[in-house]
Amino acid sequence: MAIKKRHWLWNLVIVVTIIICLLAFALHAKNWTRVEDGRMELISGFYYTAIPFAEIEKVSMVPKIPELERINGFSAWDVEKGVFRDTLNKIENIRVYIDDLKQEKIRLDRKDSSIVYFNFTDSLRTRDFYELLTSKIVKAENK
């Protein structure tokens, strides 16, 4: 019995698909932050938010996020990322960049009434970033 060989194109399609899936996972696997020029940037895969320190009204640590309705995004195990809406308080633009749902999260209330929740897999890094943000906000208010 002759063995049928698969066409090389299908092998290439399979390899390219696996590479794209691995890249998408790597981009969303953790939150990337950058602090520069009076603003912070949060990047997680396709989701990007730039927040000037002057636009931050309040920074707090919360043990969990409220019940939200997903506009777009995803949840997998302890990871939650995307754009959500709070139907109870009528807040439309809530950005969530959570790497570990079990740990405390940083809540940023912006002056335009939007909210950002985020944390890192390392709780010490989350706590250090919270302290950095509170110091930046105090400096921005004193100017």
N, C-alpha and C. Protein backbone atom coordinates (compact mmCIF):
# COMPACT_ATOMS: atom_id res chain seq x y z
N MET A 1 0.84 -1.17 0.00
CA MET A 1 0.00 0.00 0.00
C MET A 1 0.89 1.24 0.00
N ALA A 2 0.61 2.18 -0.85
CA ALA A 2 1.41 3.39 -0.98
C ALA A 2 1.01 4.41 0.09
N ILE A 3 2.00 5.08 0.62
CA ILE A 3 1.75 6.11 1.63
C ILE A 3 1.60 7.44 0.92
N LYS A 4 0.49 8.13 1.21
CA LYS A 4 0.25 9.42 0.60
C LYS A 4 1.02 10.48 1.35
N LYS A 5 1.77 11.29 0.63
CA LYS A 5 2.51 12.37 1.27
C LYS A 5 1.65 13.63 1.27
N ARG A 6 1.75 14.37 2.36
CA ARG A 6 1.04 15.63 2.48
C ARG A 6 1.79 16.68 1.67
N HIS A 7 1.06 17.56 1.06
CA HIS A 7 1.66 18.62 0.26
C HIS A 7 2.45 19.56 1.17
N TRP A 8 3.57 20.09 0.72
CA TRP A 8 4.43 20.95 1.53
C TRP A 8 3.72 22.21 1.99
N LEU A 9 2.74 22.67 1.23
CA LEU A 9 2.01 23.88 1.59
C LEU A 9 1.26 23.69 2.91
N TRP A 10 0.64 22.52 3.10
CA TRP A 10 -0.10 22.26 4.34
C TRP A 10 0.85 22.19 5.54
N ASN A 11 2.02 21.64 5.34
CA ASN A 11 3.02 21.62 6.42
C ASN A 11 3.42 23.05 6.81
N LEU A 12 3.60 23.88 5.81
CA LEU A 12 3.95 25.28 6.06
C LEU A 12 2.81 26.00 6.78
N VAL A 13 1.58 25.77 6.39
CA VAL A 13 0.42 26.40 7.04
C VAL A 13 0.34 25.99 8.50
N ILE A 14 0.58 24.74 8.80
CA ILE A 14 0.53 24.25 10.18
C ILE A 14 1.62 24.91 11.02
N VAL A 15 2.83 24.97 10.50
CA VAL A 15 3.94 25.57 11.25
C VAL A 15 3.70 27.06 11.48
N VAL A 16 3.25 27.79 10.48
CA VAL A 16 2.99 29.22 10.62
C VAL A 16 1.87 29.46 11.63
N THR A 17 0.84 28.64 11.61
CA THR A 17 -0.27 28.78 12.57
C THR A 17 0.22 28.57 14.00
N ILE A 18 1.04 27.58 14.22
CA ILE A 18 1.58 27.32 15.57
C ILE A 18 2.45 28.49 16.03
N ILE A 19 3.25 29.03 15.14
CA ILE A 19 4.10 30.17 15.50
C ILE A 19 3.26 31.39 15.85
N ILE A 20 2.21 31.66 15.10
CA ILE A 20 1.34 32.81 15.38
C ILE A 20 0.63 32.63 16.72
N CYS A 21 0.18 31.43 17.02
CA CYS A 21 -0.48 31.17 18.31
C CYS A 21 0.49 31.34 19.47
N LEU A 22 1.71 30.88 19.32
CA LEU A 22 2.70 31.05 20.38
C LEU A 22 3.06 32.52 20.58
N LEU A 23 3.17 33.29 19.51
CA LEU A 23 3.44 34.72 19.63
C LEU A 23 2.29 35.45 20.32
N ALA A 24 1.06 35.12 19.96
CA ALA A 24 -0.11 35.75 20.61
C ALA A 24 -0.13 35.43 22.10
N PHE A 25 0.19 34.20 22.45
CA PHE A 25 0.25 33.83 23.87
C PHE A 25 1.35 34.60 24.58
N ALA A 26 2.51 34.71 23.98
CA ALA A 26 3.63 35.43 24.60
C ALA A 26 3.31 36.91 24.80
N LEU A 27 2.62 37.52 23.85
CA LEU A 27 2.27 38.94 23.97
C LEU A 27 1.27 39.19 25.10
N HIS A 28 0.33 38.25 25.31
CA HIS A 28 -0.70 38.42 26.32
C HIS A 28 -0.33 37.78 27.66
N ALA A 29 0.79 37.10 27.74
CA ALA A 29 1.14 36.35 28.94
C ALA A 29 1.41 37.24 30.14
N LYS A 30 1.87 38.45 29.92
CA LYS A 30 2.13 39.34 31.03
C LYS A 30 1.92 40.78 30.62
N ASN A 31 1.81 41.64 31.63
CA ASN A 31 1.66 43.07 31.40
C ASN A 31 3.03 43.72 31.26
N TRP A 32 3.14 44.59 30.30
CA TRP A 32 4.37 45.35 30.08
C TRP A 32 4.06 46.80 30.44
N THR A 33 4.90 47.40 31.26
CA THR A 33 4.67 48.78 31.66
C THR A 33 5.90 49.62 31.33
N ARG A 34 5.61 50.89 31.10
CA ARG A 34 6.68 51.85 30.83
C ARG A 34 6.29 53.16 31.50
N VAL A 35 7.19 53.75 32.24
CA VAL A 35 6.95 55.04 32.89
C VAL A 35 7.96 56.03 32.33
N GLU A 36 7.44 57.08 31.69
CA GLU A 36 8.33 58.09 31.09
C GLU A 36 7.56 59.37 30.82
N ASP A 37 8.25 60.48 30.85
CA ASP A 37 7.72 61.79 30.46
C ASP A 37 6.35 62.11 31.07
N GLY A 38 6.19 61.87 32.34
CA GLY A 38 4.94 62.26 33.00
C GLY A 38 3.76 61.38 32.68
N ARG A 39 4.00 60.18 32.20
CA ARG A 39 2.89 59.27 31.91
C ARG A 39 3.35 57.82 32.06
N MET A 40 2.38 56.95 32.16
CA MET A 40 2.67 55.52 32.19
C MET A 40 1.94 54.85 31.03
N GLU A 41 2.52 53.78 30.55
CA GLU A 41 1.92 53.01 29.46
C GLU A 41 1.76 51.58 29.93
N LEU A 42 0.58 51.03 29.70
CA LEU A 42 0.28 49.63 29.98
C LEU A 42 0.07 48.92 28.65
N ILE A 43 0.80 47.85 28.44
CA ILE A 43 0.68 47.10 27.19
C ILE A 43 0.50 45.63 27.53
N SER A 44 -0.48 45.02 26.92
CA SER A 44 -0.68 43.59 27.08
C SER A 44 -1.26 43.06 25.78
N GLY A 45 -0.40 42.55 24.95
CA GLY A 45 -0.85 42.02 23.66
C GLY A 45 -1.43 43.12 22.79
N PHE A 46 -2.70 42.97 22.44
CA PHE A 46 -3.37 43.95 21.58
C PHE A 46 -3.88 45.15 22.36
N TYR A 47 -3.87 45.09 23.68
CA TYR A 47 -4.44 46.14 24.52
C TYR A 47 -3.34 47.11 24.96
N TYR A 48 -3.60 48.40 24.78
CA TYR A 48 -2.62 49.44 25.10
C TYR A 48 -3.36 50.61 25.73
N THR A 49 -2.81 51.13 26.81
CA THR A 49 -3.37 52.31 27.46
C THR A 49 -2.23 53.21 27.90
N ALA A 50 -2.28 54.47 27.49
CA ALA A 50 -1.33 55.48 27.94
C ALA A 50 -2.07 56.41 28.88
N ILE A 51 -1.52 56.59 30.09
CA ILE A 51 -2.19 57.40 31.11
C ILE A 51 -1.22 58.46 31.62
N PRO A 52 -1.47 59.73 31.30
CA PRO A 52 -0.67 60.80 31.90
C PRO A 52 -0.96 60.88 33.40
N PHE A 53 0.07 61.15 34.20
CA PHE A 53 -0.12 61.22 35.64
C PHE A 53 -1.08 62.33 36.03
N ALA A 54 -1.15 63.39 35.23
CA ALA A 54 -2.07 64.50 35.52
C ALA A 54 -3.54 64.08 35.38
N GLU A 55 -3.81 63.02 34.61
CA GLU A 55 -5.19 62.55 34.42
C GLU A 55 -5.66 61.58 35.50
N ILE A 56 -4.76 61.13 36.36
CA ILE A 56 -5.14 60.17 37.40
C ILE A 56 -5.73 60.92 38.58
N GLU A 57 -6.95 60.55 38.92
CA GLU A 57 -7.64 61.18 40.03
C GLU A 57 -7.35 60.47 41.35
N LYS A 58 -7.31 59.14 41.31
CA LYS A 58 -7.14 58.37 42.54
C LYS A 58 -6.48 57.03 42.22
N VAL A 59 -5.60 56.57 43.11
CA VAL A 59 -4.96 55.26 42.99
C VAL A 59 -5.26 54.50 44.27
N SER A 60 -5.70 53.24 44.13
CA SER A 60 -5.98 52.43 45.31
C SER A 60 -5.69 50.97 45.01
N MET A 61 -5.52 50.20 46.08
CA MET A 61 -5.35 48.75 45.98
C MET A 61 -6.68 48.11 46.35
N VAL A 62 -7.13 47.17 45.53
CA VAL A 62 -8.39 46.48 45.79
C VAL A 62 -8.16 44.98 45.80
N PRO A 63 -8.87 44.24 46.65
CA PRO A 63 -8.68 42.79 46.68
C PRO A 63 -9.29 42.07 45.49
N LYS A 64 -10.38 42.62 44.93
CA LYS A 64 -10.98 42.00 43.75
C LYS A 64 -11.71 43.04 42.92
N ILE A 65 -11.94 42.70 41.67
CA ILE A 65 -12.65 43.61 40.79
C ILE A 65 -14.15 43.31 40.89
N PRO A 66 -15.01 44.31 40.64
CA PRO A 66 -16.46 44.07 40.71
C PRO A 66 -16.93 43.23 39.52
N GLU A 67 -18.18 42.81 39.57
CA GLU A 67 -18.78 42.10 38.44
C GLU A 67 -18.88 43.06 37.25
N LEU A 68 -18.28 42.68 36.15
CA LEU A 68 -18.25 43.52 34.96
C LEU A 68 -18.74 42.73 33.76
N GLU A 69 -19.26 43.44 32.79
CA GLU A 69 -19.69 42.83 31.53
C GLU A 69 -18.61 43.07 30.49
N ARG A 70 -18.16 42.02 29.85
CA ARG A 70 -17.07 42.11 28.88
C ARG A 70 -17.56 42.70 27.56
N ILE A 71 -16.88 43.73 27.09
CA ILE A 71 -17.13 44.27 25.74
C ILE A 71 -16.27 43.50 24.76
N ASN A 72 -14.97 43.41 25.06
CA ASN A 72 -14.09 42.50 24.34
C ASN A 72 -12.93 42.16 25.26
N GLY A 73 -12.28 41.04 25.00
CA GLY A 73 -11.20 40.60 25.85
C GLY A 73 -11.29 39.10 26.09
N PHE A 74 -10.60 38.63 27.12
CA PHE A 74 -10.61 37.20 27.39
C PHE A 74 -10.31 36.93 28.86
N SER A 75 -10.66 35.75 29.29
CA SER A 75 -10.34 35.24 30.62
C SER A 75 -9.80 33.83 30.45
N ALA A 76 -8.71 33.55 31.13
CA ALA A 76 -8.14 32.20 31.11
C ALA A 76 -7.46 31.96 32.44
N TRP A 77 -7.93 30.96 33.18
CA TRP A 77 -7.41 30.64 34.51
C TRP A 77 -7.44 31.88 35.38
N ASP A 78 -6.29 32.42 35.80
CA ASP A 78 -6.25 33.59 36.67
C ASP A 78 -5.96 34.88 35.91
N VAL A 79 -6.06 34.86 34.60
CA VAL A 79 -5.75 36.02 33.77
C VAL A 79 -7.06 36.61 33.25
N GLU A 80 -7.16 37.93 33.31
CA GLU A 80 -8.35 38.64 32.81
C GLU A 80 -7.86 39.90 32.12
N LYS A 81 -8.16 40.04 30.83
CA LYS A 81 -7.70 41.21 30.08
C LYS A 81 -8.77 41.64 29.10
N GLY A 82 -8.87 42.96 28.91
CA GLY A 82 -9.81 43.46 27.93
C GLY A 82 -10.47 44.76 28.35
N VAL A 83 -11.54 45.07 27.62
CA VAL A 83 -12.34 46.26 27.87
C VAL A 83 -13.69 45.79 28.39
N PHE A 84 -14.12 46.37 29.52
CA PHE A 84 -15.34 45.94 30.19
C PHE A 84 -16.25 47.13 30.44
N ARG A 85 -17.49 46.84 30.89
CA ARG A 85 -18.43 47.89 31.27
C ARG A 85 -19.10 47.47 32.57
N ASP A 86 -19.33 48.46 33.42
CA ASP A 86 -20.03 48.24 34.68
C ASP A 86 -21.47 48.67 34.46
N THR A 87 -22.38 47.72 34.40
CA THR A 87 -23.78 48.02 34.10
C THR A 87 -24.49 48.64 35.30
N LEU A 88 -24.03 48.38 36.52
CA LEU A 88 -24.67 48.96 37.70
C LEU A 88 -24.38 50.45 37.84
N ASN A 89 -23.12 50.83 37.68
CA ASN A 89 -22.73 52.24 37.84
C ASN A 89 -22.69 53.00 36.52
N LYS A 90 -23.05 52.35 35.43
CA LYS A 90 -23.09 52.97 34.09
C LYS A 90 -21.74 53.53 33.64
N ILE A 91 -20.68 52.79 33.94
CA ILE A 91 -19.34 53.17 33.49
C ILE A 91 -19.00 52.28 32.29
N GLU A 92 -18.72 52.91 31.17
CA GLU A 92 -18.54 52.17 29.91
C GLU A 92 -17.11 51.70 29.67
N ASN A 93 -16.13 52.49 30.03
CA ASN A 93 -14.76 52.23 29.61
C ASN A 93 -13.91 51.79 30.80
N ILE A 94 -13.93 50.50 31.12
CA ILE A 94 -13.10 49.96 32.18
C ILE A 94 -12.08 49.04 31.53
N ARG A 95 -10.82 49.37 31.69
CA ARG A 95 -9.74 48.54 31.14
C ARG A 95 -9.23 47.62 32.23
N VAL A 96 -9.06 46.34 31.90
CA VAL A 96 -8.61 45.35 32.87
C VAL A 96 -7.37 44.65 32.31
N TYR A 97 -6.29 44.71 33.10
CA TYR A 97 -5.03 44.06 32.75
C TYR A 97 -4.59 43.24 33.97
N ILE A 98 -5.27 42.16 34.24
CA ILE A 98 -5.02 41.36 35.44
C ILE A 98 -4.23 40.12 35.06
N ASP A 99 -3.04 39.96 35.67
CA ASP A 99 -2.23 38.76 35.45
C ASP A 99 -2.53 37.67 36.46
N ASP A 100 -3.05 38.04 37.64
CA ASP A 100 -3.37 37.06 38.67
C ASP A 100 -4.57 37.55 39.47
N LEU A 101 -5.73 36.93 39.26
CA LEU A 101 -6.96 37.36 39.92
C LEU A 101 -6.93 37.16 41.43
N LYS A 102 -6.09 36.27 41.93
CA LYS A 102 -6.05 35.97 43.36
C LYS A 102 -5.33 37.04 44.17
N GLN A 103 -4.52 37.86 43.51
CA GLN A 103 -3.73 38.87 44.22
C GLN A 103 -4.41 40.23 44.15
N GLU A 104 -3.89 41.16 44.97
CA GLU A 104 -4.44 42.51 44.97
C GLU A 104 -4.20 43.19 43.63
N LYS A 105 -5.10 44.11 43.32
CA LYS A 105 -5.03 44.83 42.04
C LYS A 105 -4.89 46.32 42.30
N ILE A 106 -4.28 47.01 41.37
CA ILE A 106 -4.21 48.47 41.43
C ILE A 106 -5.40 49.01 40.64
N ARG A 107 -6.12 49.93 41.27
CA ARG A 107 -7.26 50.58 40.60
C ARG A 107 -6.89 52.04 40.37
N LEU A 108 -6.93 52.45 39.10
CA LEU A 108 -6.67 53.84 38.72
C LEU A 108 -7.99 54.47 38.30
N ASP A 109 -8.42 55.48 39.02
CA ASP A 109 -9.59 56.26 38.61
C ASP A 109 -9.08 57.48 37.86
N ARG A 110 -9.51 57.62 36.63
CA ARG A 110 -9.07 58.74 35.81
C ARG A 110 -10.08 59.87 35.87
N LYS A 111 -9.65 61.06 35.54
CA LYS A 111 -10.53 62.23 35.61
C LYS A 111 -11.64 62.19 34.57
N ASP A 112 -11.48 61.41 33.52
CA ASP A 112 -12.54 61.28 32.51
C ASP A 112 -13.53 60.17 32.88
N SER A 113 -13.55 59.74 34.14
CA SER A 113 -14.44 58.74 34.72
C SER A 113 -14.21 57.32 34.20
N SER A 114 -13.09 57.07 33.54
CA SER A 114 -12.76 55.70 33.17
C SER A 114 -11.89 55.09 34.27
N ILE A 115 -11.87 53.78 34.33
CA ILE A 115 -11.16 53.06 35.38
C ILE A 115 -10.22 52.04 34.73
N VAL A 116 -9.06 51.84 35.35
CA VAL A 116 -8.12 50.83 34.90
C VAL A 116 -7.76 49.96 36.11
N TYR A 117 -7.91 48.64 35.95
CA TYR A 117 -7.47 47.68 36.94
C TYR A 117 -6.28 46.92 36.36
N PHE A 118 -5.22 46.75 37.16
CA PHE A 118 -4.11 45.93 36.68
C PHE A 118 -3.30 45.41 37.85
N ASN A 119 -2.57 44.35 37.58
CA ASN A 119 -1.59 43.82 38.52
C ASN A 119 -0.58 42.99 37.74
N PHE A 120 0.39 42.47 38.47
CA PHE A 120 1.42 41.63 37.87
C PHE A 120 1.37 40.27 38.56
N THR A 121 2.03 39.28 38.00
CA THR A 121 2.06 37.97 38.65
C THR A 121 2.83 38.02 39.96
N ASP A 122 3.77 38.93 40.07
CA ASP A 122 4.56 39.10 41.29
C ASP A 122 3.89 40.17 42.16
N SER A 123 3.44 39.80 43.34
CA SER A 123 2.74 40.74 44.22
C SER A 123 3.66 41.85 44.71
N LEU A 124 4.94 41.57 44.87
CA LEU A 124 5.88 42.62 45.28
C LEU A 124 6.05 43.68 44.19
N ARG A 125 6.06 43.24 42.95
CA ARG A 125 6.15 44.20 41.84
C ARG A 125 4.89 45.06 41.78
N THR A 126 3.73 44.45 42.04
CA THR A 126 2.48 45.20 42.07
C THR A 126 2.53 46.26 43.17
N ARG A 127 2.98 45.87 44.36
CA ARG A 127 3.07 46.79 45.49
C ARG A 127 4.07 47.91 45.20
N ASP A 128 5.22 47.59 44.61
CA ASP A 128 6.22 48.61 44.26
C ASP A 128 5.68 49.58 43.22
N PHE A 129 4.94 49.06 42.24
CA PHE A 129 4.38 49.93 41.21
C PHE A 129 3.30 50.84 41.80
N TYR A 130 2.54 50.32 42.76
CA TYR A 130 1.54 51.13 43.45
C TYR A 130 2.21 52.30 44.19
N GLU A 131 3.30 52.01 44.88
CA GLU A 131 4.02 53.06 45.59
C GLU A 131 4.63 54.08 44.62
N LEU A 132 5.13 53.60 43.49
CA LEU A 132 5.64 54.51 42.47
C LEU A 132 4.54 55.43 41.96
N LEU A 133 3.37 54.87 41.68
CA LEU A 133 2.25 55.68 41.18
C LEU A 133 1.80 56.71 42.21
N THR A 134 1.69 56.32 43.48
CA THR A 134 1.26 57.28 44.49
C THR A 134 2.28 58.41 44.64
N SER A 135 3.57 58.10 44.54
CA SER A 135 4.56 59.17 44.61
C SER A 135 4.50 60.08 43.39
N LYS A 136 4.25 59.53 42.21
CA LYS A 136 4.14 60.35 41.00
C LYS A 136 2.91 61.25 41.06
N ILE A 137 1.82 60.74 41.62
CA ILE A 137 0.59 61.53 41.72
C ILE A 137 0.78 62.69 42.69
N VAL A 138 1.45 62.43 43.80
CA VAL A 138 1.72 63.48 44.78
C VAL A 138 2.59 64.55 44.14
N LYS A 139 3.60 64.16 43.37
CA LYS A 139 4.45 65.14 42.69
C LYS A 139 3.66 65.92 41.66
N ALA A 140 2.75 65.27 40.92
CA ALA A 140 1.94 65.95 39.90
C ALA A 140 0.98 66.94 40.56
N GLU A 141 0.46 66.61 41.74
CA GLU A 141 -0.46 67.52 42.44
C GLU A 141 0.26 68.73 43.01
N ASN A 142 1.52 68.56 43.41
CA ASN A 142 2.28 69.65 44.00
C ASN A 142 2.79 70.65 42.98
N LYS A 143 2.76 70.31 41.70
CA LYS A 143 3.25 71.23 40.67
C LYS A 143 2.30 72.36 40.42
